[in-house]
Amino acid sequence: MGKPQFSAQVAKGKVIATEPAIGSRVSKGGTVLLIVSAGPHMIPVPQVTGSPLATAQAALRHAGLIPGKVVDETSTTIASGIVISTTPASGVSWPENRPVSLAVSSGQPVPSFVGQQKAVAEQWAQANGVNLNEGRGREE
């Protein structure tokens, strides 16, 4: 058998190719070399939690992985645009051809101001760098 080769298409342990190639002739008593799949190339997911989204995506690409779906999550402790977690988690060996999902902070959740003084909302907005726009409410 030949040295196993990584393959995202052929399962580990299955034959990928032969030498001589398929359709070639082999003389009686000749040898056919089997090249077996080692499965997909597995790469440890790098630690990108705490990084800005663009930096995290670049780190995943640099490691040989594909940045995947980005999911926004509110956070009371992590600034907007910062990676909260990855799926799979950092350190897990992951196939190079499968995307790594990223959860990114969308910042502070808006608290309920219902029944409170307008000043409470204004203080929260100022502390969190948010602009308030006073509306008339719902029309029926």
Protein backbone atom coordinates (compact mmCIF):
# COMPACT_ATOMS: atom_id res chain seq x y z
CA MET A 1 0.00 0.00 0.00
CA GLY A 2 1.06 3.54 -0.70
CA LYS A 3 1.17 6.37 1.79
CA PRO A 4 -2.41 7.37 2.82
CA GLN A 5 -3.63 10.69 1.42
CA PHE A 6 -6.08 13.20 2.87
CA SER A 7 -9.44 13.29 1.14
CA ALA A 8 -12.57 15.27 1.90
CA GLN A 9 -14.54 13.16 -0.60
CA VAL A 10 -13.42 9.61 0.22
CA ALA A 11 -13.98 8.18 3.71
CA LYS A 12 -11.00 7.15 5.81
CA GLY A 13 -9.84 3.61 5.01
CA LYS A 14 -11.36 3.53 1.51
CA VAL A 15 -9.24 3.34 -1.65
CA ILE A 16 -8.70 6.70 -3.37
CA ALA A 17 -6.59 5.57 -6.31
CA THR A 18 -4.37 2.86 -7.67
CA GLU A 19 -0.96 2.80 -9.36
CA PRO A 20 -1.06 2.00 -12.16
CA ALA A 21 -4.23 4.05 -12.70
CA ILE A 22 -7.68 2.59 -13.30
CA GLY A 23 -7.95 1.10 -16.78
CA SER A 24 -4.21 0.49 -17.12
CA ARG A 25 -2.83 -2.97 -17.86
CA VAL A 26 -0.86 -4.99 -15.32
CA SER A 27 1.22 -7.96 -16.34
CA LYS A 28 0.67 -11.26 -14.59
CA GLY A 29 2.61 -11.21 -11.33
CA GLY A 30 2.72 -7.39 -11.42
CA THR A 31 1.87 -5.17 -8.48
CA VAL A 32 -0.99 -2.74 -8.01
CA LEU A 33 -0.34 -0.09 -5.39
CA LEU A 34 -3.42 0.97 -3.42
CA ILE A 35 -3.66 4.58 -2.19
CA VAL A 36 -5.99 4.69 0.83
CA SER A 37 -7.82 7.73 2.20
CA ALA A 38 -6.68 9.16 5.52
CA GLY A 39 -10.02 11.01 5.65
CA PRO A 40 -10.28 14.79 5.64
CA HIS A 41 -7.37 16.90 6.80
CA MET A 42 -8.18 17.78 10.43
CA ILE A 43 -7.04 21.16 11.78
CA PRO A 44 -7.30 22.39 15.39
CA VAL A 45 -9.66 25.37 15.64
CA PRO A 46 -7.57 28.37 16.77
CA GLN A 47 -8.51 30.47 19.81
CA VAL A 48 -10.31 33.51 18.36
CA THR A 49 -12.68 34.31 21.22
CA GLY A 50 -12.21 37.94 22.27
CA SER A 51 -11.03 39.01 18.81
CA PRO A 52 -12.81 41.38 16.41
CA LEU A 53 -14.80 39.45 13.78
CA ALA A 54 -12.50 40.30 10.84
CA THR A 55 -9.41 39.26 12.83
CA ALA A 56 -11.07 35.98 13.86
CA GLN A 57 -12.07 35.18 10.27
CA ALA A 58 -8.53 35.91 9.07
CA ALA A 59 -7.09 33.64 11.80
CA LEU A 60 -9.39 30.79 10.75
CA ARG A 61 -8.34 31.19 7.10
CA HIS A 62 -4.66 31.35 8.11
CA ALA A 63 -5.12 28.05 10.01
CA GLY A 64 -6.57 26.49 6.83
CA LEU A 65 -10.21 26.53 7.96
CA ILE A 66 -13.31 28.13 6.44
CA PRO A 67 -15.05 30.91 8.40
CA GLY A 68 -18.75 30.05 8.45
CA LYS A 69 -22.04 31.48 9.58
CA VAL A 70 -21.93 34.52 11.88
CA VAL A 71 -24.60 34.65 14.59
CA ASP A 72 -25.24 37.84 16.58
CA GLU A 73 -25.75 37.50 20.34
CA THR A 74 -26.38 40.26 22.84
CA SER A 75 -23.91 40.51 25.71
CA THR A 76 -23.77 42.60 28.85
CA THR A 77 -20.01 42.06 29.17
CA ILE A 78 -18.56 41.77 25.63
CA ALA A 79 -18.35 44.76 23.28
CA SER A 80 -20.14 44.76 19.95
CA GLY A 81 -18.24 43.09 17.09
CA ILE A 82 -16.15 40.83 19.34
CA VAL A 83 -16.25 37.04 18.94
CA ILE A 84 -17.98 35.33 21.88
CA SER A 85 -17.48 31.71 20.77
CA THR A 86 -16.91 29.34 17.87
CA THR A 87 -18.62 26.12 16.86
CA PRO A 88 -16.72 23.90 17.23
CA ALA A 89 -14.81 25.26 20.22
CA SER A 90 -11.15 26.21 19.99
CA GLY A 91 -8.73 23.31 20.17
CA VAL A 92 -11.15 20.83 18.56
CA SER A 93 -9.78 19.13 15.43
CA TRP A 94 -12.07 20.05 12.53
CA PRO A 95 -12.14 19.03 8.84
CA GLU A 96 -10.57 21.75 6.70
CA ASN A 97 -13.50 21.70 4.27
CA ARG A 98 -16.22 22.33 6.91
CA PRO A 99 -17.03 25.89 8.04
CA VAL A 100 -16.48 27.11 11.59
CA SER A 101 -19.42 29.17 12.91
CA LEU A 102 -18.81 32.33 14.93
CA ALA A 103 -21.01 33.91 17.61
CA VAL A 104 -20.37 37.67 17.74
CA SER A 105 -21.50 40.17 20.33
CA SER A 106 -24.10 42.65 19.12
CA GLY A 107 -23.57 44.59 22.36
CA GLN A 108 -25.86 45.40 25.23
CA PRO A 109 -29.46 44.18 25.07
CA VAL A 110 -31.99 46.99 25.31
CA PRO A 111 -33.58 46.85 28.75
CA SER A 112 -37.27 47.47 29.35
CA PHE A 113 -37.96 51.12 30.10
CA VAL A 114 -41.72 50.58 30.30
CA GLY A 115 -43.13 52.32 33.38
CA GLN A 116 -39.85 54.13 34.12
CA GLN A 117 -38.96 57.78 33.95
CA LYS A 118 -37.53 59.03 30.67
CA ALA A 119 -34.34 60.04 32.54
CA VAL A 120 -33.58 56.36 33.24
CA ALA A 121 -33.58 55.61 29.51
CA GLU A 122 -31.47 58.70 28.82
CA GLN A 123 -28.88 57.65 31.43
CA TRP A 124 -28.69 54.13 29.96
CA ALA A 125 -28.34 55.53 26.44
CA GLN A 126 -25.55 57.88 27.47
CA ALA A 127 -23.67 55.13 29.35
CA ASN A 128 -23.91 52.77 26.35
CA GLY A 129 -23.29 55.24 23.53
CA VAL A 130 -26.81 54.86 22.13
CA ASN A 131 -29.02 57.57 20.66
CA LEU A 132 -32.65 57.78 21.70
CA ASN A 133 -35.40 58.83 19.34
CA GLU A 134 -38.70 59.71 21.00
CA GLY A 135 -41.65 58.35 19.09
CA ARG A 136 -45.37 58.86 19.46
CA GLY A 137 -46.06 55.23 20.17
CA ARG A 138 -48.29 52.85 18.27
CA GLU A 139 -51.22 54.17 16.32
CA GLU A 140 -54.30 52.03 16.17
